[in-house]
């Protein structure tokens, strides 16, 4: 399972083709017969009014697998965002919630995507986000535990290396934790790896795959360039430059936005992409394998680690080891592991202290 396709197969080549594919798929989904054969999913976006949340909600509204979409955020504009989306001619019935209506938004959801929280500003580390976003994730996941305990929960809120362990602890405290249903979204790292490798080597990014393992911050992000498909050879300098750019792609955007936020559009795209793959697994499609940050036993020491995961009807189906890597890649993994473990422990300790 080393050649991972983010897209799960070939992609329409142009935006126009993609929109028309979505449109015809939406039309198909609207036919009663088609609906009887293929189950639709109720999806909630928590943090739906934000920089990631709005484009992510738009992409969910366009996804033909989604038959109901709820948008929740503390921002009072949220019902308006949902009203705006509801005018788009696709099958997903869209409603917005704010204030104390979190549980209404979550009622009966199959998939919950959580981009809520504060974005990073220049000079901020992911750690600086911790105190604010930890509390936000705790509250939202508590709502999931009560309103949709069997839903797949996809965590985008940074720092993912700590917020996913927090989510797990909250679910355990509520007695509903199922490790097959909790995911840290690392798809943006995979997407950057595909994009940067394809650019460097003159390849088609839609046909390029690069597994990325470990965590979702800085040096904990380990791209396995040796497993790139199609295979490509890199000088040590190329390898080091690409690896650094993939690890610190988030900083590149934070700096380029110069105080105006962090990666929102690429994160919304990859968050929506991963949600689609989770739904494909729930629908029983075969061979849906994505890198994602999950509870695992393949890499000793770390409770959570991003690995290639085959998705199925209950969420996680099979977690795969990262396979054969170069000596250099193994060194990167070994060097970052104590940091990854410490960031996870920080989340667990925080959850225990804030019961």
Protein backbone atom coordinates (compact mmCIF):
# COMPACT_ATOMS: atom_id res chain seq x y z
CA UNK A 1 0.00 0.00 0.00
CA UNK A 2 2.77 2.45 -0.79
CA UNK A 3 1.30 4.05 -3.91
CA UNK A 4 -1.49 6.09 -2.37
CA UNK A 5 -3.89 8.04 -4.47
CA UNK A 6 -5.29 11.10 -2.74
CA UNK A 7 -7.96 11.30 -5.41
CA UNK A 8 -8.80 7.61 -5.32
CA UNK A 9 -8.30 7.23 -9.05
CA UNK A 10 -8.20 9.50 -12.07
CA UNK A 11 -9.42 13.05 -11.72
CA UNK A 12 -11.32 15.15 -14.28
CA UNK A 13 -8.63 17.22 -15.99
CA UNK A 14 -10.25 20.63 -15.87
CA UNK A 15 -12.29 22.68 -13.43
CA UNK A 16 -15.09 22.86 -16.01
CA UNK A 17 -15.08 19.10 -16.38
CA UNK A 18 -15.06 18.72 -12.61
CA UNK A 19 -18.01 21.06 -12.12
CA UNK A 20 -20.01 19.34 -14.85
CA UNK A 21 -19.16 15.95 -13.32
CA UNK A 22 -20.36 17.19 -9.92
CA UNK A 23 -23.47 18.61 -11.52
CA UNK A 24 -24.37 15.42 -13.38
CA UNK A 25 -23.56 13.37 -10.27
CA UNK A 26 -25.85 15.65 -8.25
CA UNK A 27 -28.57 15.18 -10.85
CA UNK A 28 -28.11 11.41 -10.63
CA UNK A 29 -28.26 11.56 -6.82
CA UNK A 30 -31.57 13.43 -7.10
CA UNK A 31 -33.21 10.49 -8.92
CA UNK A 32 -35.22 8.35 -6.50
CA UNK A 33 -33.95 5.09 -8.02
CA UNK A 34 -30.30 6.10 -7.66
CA UNK A 35 -30.95 7.19 -4.09
CA UNK A 36 -32.39 3.79 -3.21
CA UNK A 37 -29.22 2.08 -4.45
CA UNK A 38 -26.66 4.43 -2.92
CA UNK A 39 -27.06 5.73 0.60
CA UNK A 40 -26.42 9.41 1.15
CA UNK A 41 -24.64 10.82 4.18
CA UNK A 42 -25.40 13.53 6.69
CA UNK A 43 -22.31 15.69 7.20
CA UNK A 44 -21.65 18.49 9.67
CA UNK A 45 -18.94 21.14 9.41
CA UNK A 46 -18.05 22.63 12.81
CA UNK A 47 -16.40 26.01 12.36
CA UNK A 48 -18.32 26.50 9.11
CA UNK A 49 -18.11 30.30 8.99
CA UNK A 50 -14.32 30.46 9.10
CA UNK A 51 -11.59 30.66 6.49
CA UNK A 52 -11.45 26.88 6.08
CA UNK A 53 -15.06 26.24 7.05
CA UNK A 54 -16.76 28.25 4.31
CA UNK A 55 -14.94 26.75 1.29
CA UNK A 56 -15.08 23.31 2.96
CA UNK A 57 -18.85 23.65 3.38
CA UNK A 58 -19.13 24.68 -0.28
CA UNK A 59 -17.21 21.57 -1.38
CA UNK A 60 -19.42 19.37 0.84
CA UNK A 61 -22.54 20.96 -0.70
CA UNK A 62 -21.17 19.99 -4.13
CA UNK A 63 -20.40 16.39 -3.14
CA UNK A 64 -23.06 14.01 -4.50
CA UNK A 65 -22.56 11.61 -1.56
CA UNK A 66 -23.88 14.29 0.82
CA UNK A 67 -27.67 14.38 1.20
CA UNK A 68 -27.75 16.64 4.27
CA UNK A 69 -25.23 19.26 5.36
CA UNK A 70 -25.27 21.18 8.62
CA UNK A 71 -23.04 24.17 9.28
CA UNK A 72 -22.24 25.17 12.86
CA UNK A 73 -20.11 28.05 14.14
CA UNK A 74 -20.14 30.50 17.03
CA UNK A 75 -20.17 33.35 14.49
CA UNK A 76 -23.71 34.81 14.18
CA UNK A 77 -23.36 34.83 10.37
CA UNK A 78 -23.47 31.00 10.22
CA UNK A 79 -27.20 30.56 9.43
CA UNK A 80 -26.60 33.07 6.61
CA UNK A 81 -23.68 31.04 5.25
CA UNK A 82 -25.99 28.01 5.18
CA UNK A 83 -28.79 30.02 3.54
CA UNK A 84 -26.31 31.11 0.86
CA UNK A 85 -25.16 27.52 0.25
CA UNK A 86 -28.77 26.25 0.25
CA UNK A 87 -29.41 28.08 -3.03
CA UNK A 88 -26.89 25.84 -4.85
CA UNK A 89 -28.73 23.29 -6.99
CA UNK A 90 -27.41 20.05 -5.51
CA UNK A 91 -29.07 17.34 -3.44
CA UNK A 92 -27.53 18.26 -0.07
CA UNK A 93 -30.18 19.88 2.14
CA UNK A 94 -28.25 22.60 4.00
CA UNK A 95 -29.03 24.18 7.37
CA UNK A 96 -27.03 26.47 9.66
CA UNK A 97 -26.76 26.61 13.46
CA UNK A 98 -25.06 28.86 15.97
CA UNK A 99 -25.09 29.58 19.71
CA UNK A 100 -26.44 26.72 21.81
CA UNK A 101 -27.60 24.66 18.84
CA UNK A 102 -24.51 22.46 18.45
CA UNK A 103 -26.41 19.26 19.24
CA UNK A 104 -29.15 20.15 16.76
CA UNK A 105 -26.46 20.52 14.08
CA UNK A 106 -24.93 17.14 15.00
CA UNK A 107 -28.12 15.11 15.36
CA UNK A 108 -27.89 11.96 13.24
CA UNK A 109 -24.65 12.90 11.47
CA UNK A 110 -22.51 10.23 9.80
CA UNK A 111 -19.43 12.41 9.28
CA UNK A 112 -18.32 15.47 11.27
CA UNK A 113 -15.49 17.66 10.00
CA UNK A 114 -13.91 20.05 12.51
CA UNK A 115 -11.95 23.03 11.12
CA UNK A 116 -12.97 25.25 14.08
CA UNK A 117 -10.43 27.27 16.03
CA UNK A 118 -8.01 30.15 15.58
CA UNK A 119 -5.59 30.23 12.64
CA UNK A 120 -1.86 30.69 12.96
CA UNK A 121 -0.34 34.16 12.57
CA UNK A 122 3.32 34.88 11.74
CA UNK A 123 5.53 34.15 14.74
CA UNK A 124 2.94 31.82 16.29
CA UNK A 125 3.88 28.19 16.73
CA UNK A 126 1.28 25.44 16.56
CA UNK A 127 1.86 25.23 20.32
CA UNK A 128 0.62 28.81 20.75
CA UNK A 129 -2.66 27.64 19.26
CA UNK A 130 -2.90 24.83 21.75
CA UNK A 131 -4.61 26.55 24.68
CA UNK A 132 -7.34 28.13 22.56
CA UNK A 133 -8.01 25.26 20.17
CA UNK A 134 -7.82 22.52 22.83
CA UNK A 135 -10.88 23.98 24.56
CA UNK A 136 -12.76 24.42 21.29
CA UNK A 137 -12.11 20.82 20.20
CA UNK A 138 -13.12 19.49 23.64
CA UNK A 139 -16.48 21.29 23.50
CA UNK A 140 -17.26 20.27 19.93
CA UNK A 141 -16.27 16.62 20.41
CA UNK A 142 -18.34 16.50 23.64
CA UNK A 143 -21.30 17.51 21.47
CA UNK A 144 -20.50 14.69 19.02
CA UNK A 145 -20.32 12.18 21.90
CA UNK A 146 -23.85 13.11 22.90
CA UNK A 147 -25.58 13.79 19.57
CA UNK A 148 -23.84 11.45 17.09
CA UNK A 149 -21.62 8.99 19.03
CA UNK A 150 -21.18 6.70 16.02
CA UNK A 151 -20.12 9.43 13.56
CA UNK A 152 -16.70 9.53 11.91
CA UNK A 153 -14.93 12.59 13.35
CA UNK A 154 -12.36 14.33 11.15
CA UNK A 155 -10.16 16.77 13.06
CA UNK A 156 -8.52 19.66 11.18
CA UNK A 157 -8.11 22.07 14.14
CA UNK A 158 -4.41 22.50 14.95
CA UNK A 159 -2.24 21.36 16.58
CA UNK A 160 -3.59 18.03 15.22
CA UNK A 161 -0.82 16.07 17.01
CA UNK A 162 -2.46 17.20 20.29
CA UNK A 163 -6.12 17.85 19.37
CA UNK A 164 -6.74 14.31 18.10
CA UNK A 165 -5.53 12.77 21.41
CA UNK A 166 -7.75 15.32 23.22
CA UNK A 167 -10.73 14.22 21.11
CA UNK A 168 -10.01 10.57 21.97
CA UNK A 169 -9.85 11.35 25.70
CA UNK A 170 -13.13 13.29 25.60
CA UNK A 171 -14.84 10.40 23.79
CA UNK A 172 -13.41 7.94 26.34
CA UNK A 173 -14.68 10.10 29.23
CA UNK A 174 -18.14 9.92 27.63
CA UNK A 175 -17.87 6.15 27.10
CA UNK A 176 -18.26 6.27 23.31
CA UNK A 177 -14.68 6.14 21.96
CA UNK A 178 -14.26 3.98 18.86
CA UNK A 179 -10.71 4.31 17.45
CA UNK A 180 -12.03 3.37 13.99
CA UNK A 181 -14.06 6.60 13.89
CA UNK A 182 -11.48 9.26 14.82
CA UNK A 183 -9.12 10.79 12.26
CA UNK A 184 -6.60 13.59 12.15
CA UNK A 185 -6.70 15.08 8.65
CA UNK A 186 -3.15 15.05 7.23
CA UNK A 187 -4.29 15.08 3.60
CA UNK A 188 -2.85 18.57 3.03
CA UNK A 189 0.65 17.21 3.71
CA UNK A 190 0.06 14.45 1.15
CA UNK A 191 -1.33 16.97 -1.33
CA UNK A 192 1.65 19.33 -0.92
CA UNK A 193 4.01 16.38 -1.40
CA UNK A 194 2.26 15.43 -4.65
CA UNK A 195 2.25 19.01 -5.89
CA UNK A 196 5.87 19.83 -5.03
CA UNK A 197 7.29 16.52 -6.30
CA UNK A 198 5.29 16.81 -9.54
CA UNK A 199 6.52 20.41 -10.04
CA UNK A 200 10.13 19.45 -9.33
CA UNK A 201 10.08 16.47 -11.69
CA UNK A 202 7.76 17.72 -14.45
CA UNK A 203 5.08 15.13 -13.64
CA UNK A 204 1.29 15.34 -13.72
CA UNK A 205 0.24 16.16 -10.13
CA UNK A 206 -3.04 14.27 -10.63
CA UNK A 207 -1.07 11.10 -11.36
CA UNK A 208 1.63 11.58 -8.72
CA UNK A 209 1.36 10.02 -5.26
CA UNK A 210 3.69 10.41 -2.30
CA UNK A 211 2.91 8.85 1.08
CA UNK A 212 3.46 11.16 4.06
CA UNK A 213 3.63 9.66 7.55
CA UNK A 214 4.13 10.71 11.16
CA UNK A 215 2.32 13.78 12.42
CA UNK A 216 0.94 17.08 11.14
CA UNK A 217 3.42 19.75 12.23
CA UNK A 218 6.89 20.70 11.06
CA UNK A 219 9.46 17.94 11.41
CA UNK A 220 6.83 15.37 12.51
CA UNK A 221 5.68 15.42 8.87
CA UNK A 222 7.79 12.80 7.03
CA UNK A 223 7.29 12.54 3.25
CA UNK A 224 8.43 9.16 1.92
CA UNK A 225 9.93 10.42 -1.33
CA UNK A 226 11.46 6.97 -1.95
CA UNK A 227 7.89 5.66 -2.37
CA UNK A 228 6.82 8.38 -4.82
CA UNK A 229 4.81 7.04 -7.73
CA UNK A 230 5.76 7.38 -10.55
CA UNK A 231 9.23 6.65 -9.17
CA UNK A 232 11.60 9.59 -9.29
CA UNK A 233 15.22 9.93 -8.27
CA UNK A 234 16.37 12.88 -6.19
CA UNK A 235 19.81 14.23 -5.41
CA UNK A 236 20.40 14.64 -1.67
CA UNK A 237 19.99 18.40 -2.12
CA UNK A 238 16.68 17.98 -3.97
CA UNK A 239 15.46 15.49 -1.40
CA UNK A 240 16.34 17.80 1.50
CA UNK A 241 14.77 20.88 -0.15
CA UNK A 242 11.55 19.03 -1.02
CA UNK A 243 11.32 17.43 2.41
CA UNK A 244 11.76 20.80 4.11
CA UNK A 245 9.18 22.46 1.86
CA UNK A 246 6.62 19.72 2.54
CA UNK A 247 7.30 19.86 6.30
CA UNK A 248 7.01 23.65 6.42
CA UNK A 249 4.47 24.27 3.63
CA UNK A 250 2.11 25.70 6.26
CA UNK A 251 4.69 28.33 7.24
CA UNK A 252 5.16 29.24 3.57
CA UNK A 253 1.46 30.20 3.39
CA UNK A 254 1.41 31.91 6.82
CA UNK A 255 4.32 34.11 5.74
CA UNK A 256 2.86 34.80 2.29
CA UNK A 257 -0.45 35.90 3.86
CA UNK A 258 1.57 38.23 6.13
CA UNK A 259 -0.79 38.23 9.10
CA UNK A 260 -3.89 37.47 7.04
CA UNK A 261 -4.16 33.89 8.24
CA UNK A 262 -2.91 30.44 7.33
CA UNK A 263 -3.70 27.81 4.69
CA UNK A 264 -7.47 27.87 4.20
CA UNK A 265 -8.30 27.04 0.57
CA UNK A 266 -5.83 24.16 0.17
CA UNK A 267 -6.92 22.87 3.60
CA UNK A 268 -10.61 23.09 2.65
CA UNK A 269 -9.88 21.21 -0.58
CA UNK A 270 -7.94 18.44 1.15
CA UNK A 271 -10.38 18.28 4.07
CA UNK A 272 -13.25 17.82 1.61
CA UNK A 273 -11.19 15.27 -0.33
CA UNK A 274 -10.55 13.22 2.81
CA UNK A 275 -14.22 13.44 3.88
CA UNK A 276 -15.14 12.10 0.43
CA UNK A 277 -12.76 9.16 0.87
CA UNK A 278 -14.22 8.40 4.32
CA UNK A 279 -17.71 8.37 2.76
CA UNK A 280 -16.44 6.13 -0.06
CA UNK A 281 -15.26 3.69 2.60
CA UNK A 282 -18.57 3.91 4.48
CA UNK A 283 -20.34 3.15 1.19
CA UNK A 284 -18.33 -0.07 0.85
CA UNK A 285 -16.05 0.97 -2.02
CA UNK A 286 -12.99 -1.27 -2.19
CA UNK A 287 -9.36 -0.17 -2.00
CA UNK A 288 -9.90 3.27 -0.47
CA UNK A 289 -6.51 3.93 1.17
CA UNK A 290 -5.41 7.30 2.54
CA UNK A 291 -2.74 8.56 4.91
CA UNK A 292 -4.39 9.76 8.12
CA UNK A 293 -3.49 10.34 11.80
CA UNK A 294 -5.10 7.50 13.78
CA UNK A 295 -4.64 5.40 16.90
CA UNK A 296 -2.33 2.58 15.83
CA UNK A 297 0.05 -0.20 16.93
CA UNK A 298 2.38 -0.31 13.91
CA UNK A 299 4.90 2.24 15.18
CA UNK A 300 5.83 1.57 18.79
CA UNK A 301 5.87 4.39 21.32
CA UNK A 302 3.33 6.65 19.62
CA UNK A 303 -0.38 6.12 20.27
CA UNK A 304 -1.32 8.19 17.22
CA UNK A 305 0.65 8.18 13.98
CA UNK A 306 -0.28 9.05 10.40
CA UNK A 307 -0.08 5.94 8.23
CA UNK A 308 -1.72 4.57 5.09
CA UNK A 309 -5.17 3.43 6.21
CA UNK A 310 -7.71 1.44 4.22
CA UNK A 311 -11.14 2.91 4.95
CA UNK A 312 -14.27 0.79 5.25
CA UNK A 313 -17.87 0.62 6.42
CA UNK A 314 -16.92 1.37 10.04
CA UNK A 315 -14.25 4.00 9.32
CA UNK A 316 -10.75 2.56 9.79
CA UNK A 317 -10.60 -0.91 8.26
CA UNK A 318 -6.88 -1.76 7.98
CA UNK A 319 -3.90 0.29 9.18
CA UNK A 320 -0.77 -0.40 7.13
CA UNK A 321 2.84 -0.07 8.20
CA UNK A 322 4.72 2.61 6.23
CA UNK A 323 6.77 -0.13 4.57
CA UNK A 324 10.35 -0.02 3.32
CA UNK A 325 12.03 3.37 3.57
CA UNK A 326 15.52 4.72 3.03
CA UNK A 327 17.99 5.06 5.87
CA UNK A 328 17.52 8.84 5.64
CA UNK A 329 13.71 8.59 5.93
CA UNK A 330 14.01 6.21 8.90
CA UNK A 331 16.34 8.71 10.59
CA UNK A 332 13.73 11.47 10.12
CA UNK A 333 11.07 9.22 11.69
CA UNK A 334 13.30 8.22 14.62
CA UNK A 335 14.38 11.82 15.24
CA UNK A 336 10.85 13.25 15.36
CA UNK A 337 9.18 10.44 17.32
CA UNK A 338 9.92 11.86 20.82
CA UNK A 339 8.36 15.20 19.75
CA UNK A 340 5.28 13.49 18.33
CA UNK A 341 4.86 11.42 21.51
CA UNK A 342 5.30 14.53 23.71
CA UNK A 343 2.72 16.50 21.70
CA UNK A 344 0.25 13.62 22.10
CA UNK A 345 0.93 13.40 25.85
CA UNK A 346 0.37 17.14 26.16
CA UNK A 347 -3.15 16.64 24.75
CA UNK A 348 -3.90 13.66 27.00
CA UNK A 349 -2.64 15.49 30.10
CA UNK A 350 -4.68 18.60 29.22
CA UNK A 351 -7.84 16.48 28.77
CA UNK A 352 -7.29 14.80 32.13
CA UNK A 353 -6.77 18.16 33.87
CA UNK A 354 -9.83 19.81 32.27
CA UNK A 355 -12.40 17.07 32.96
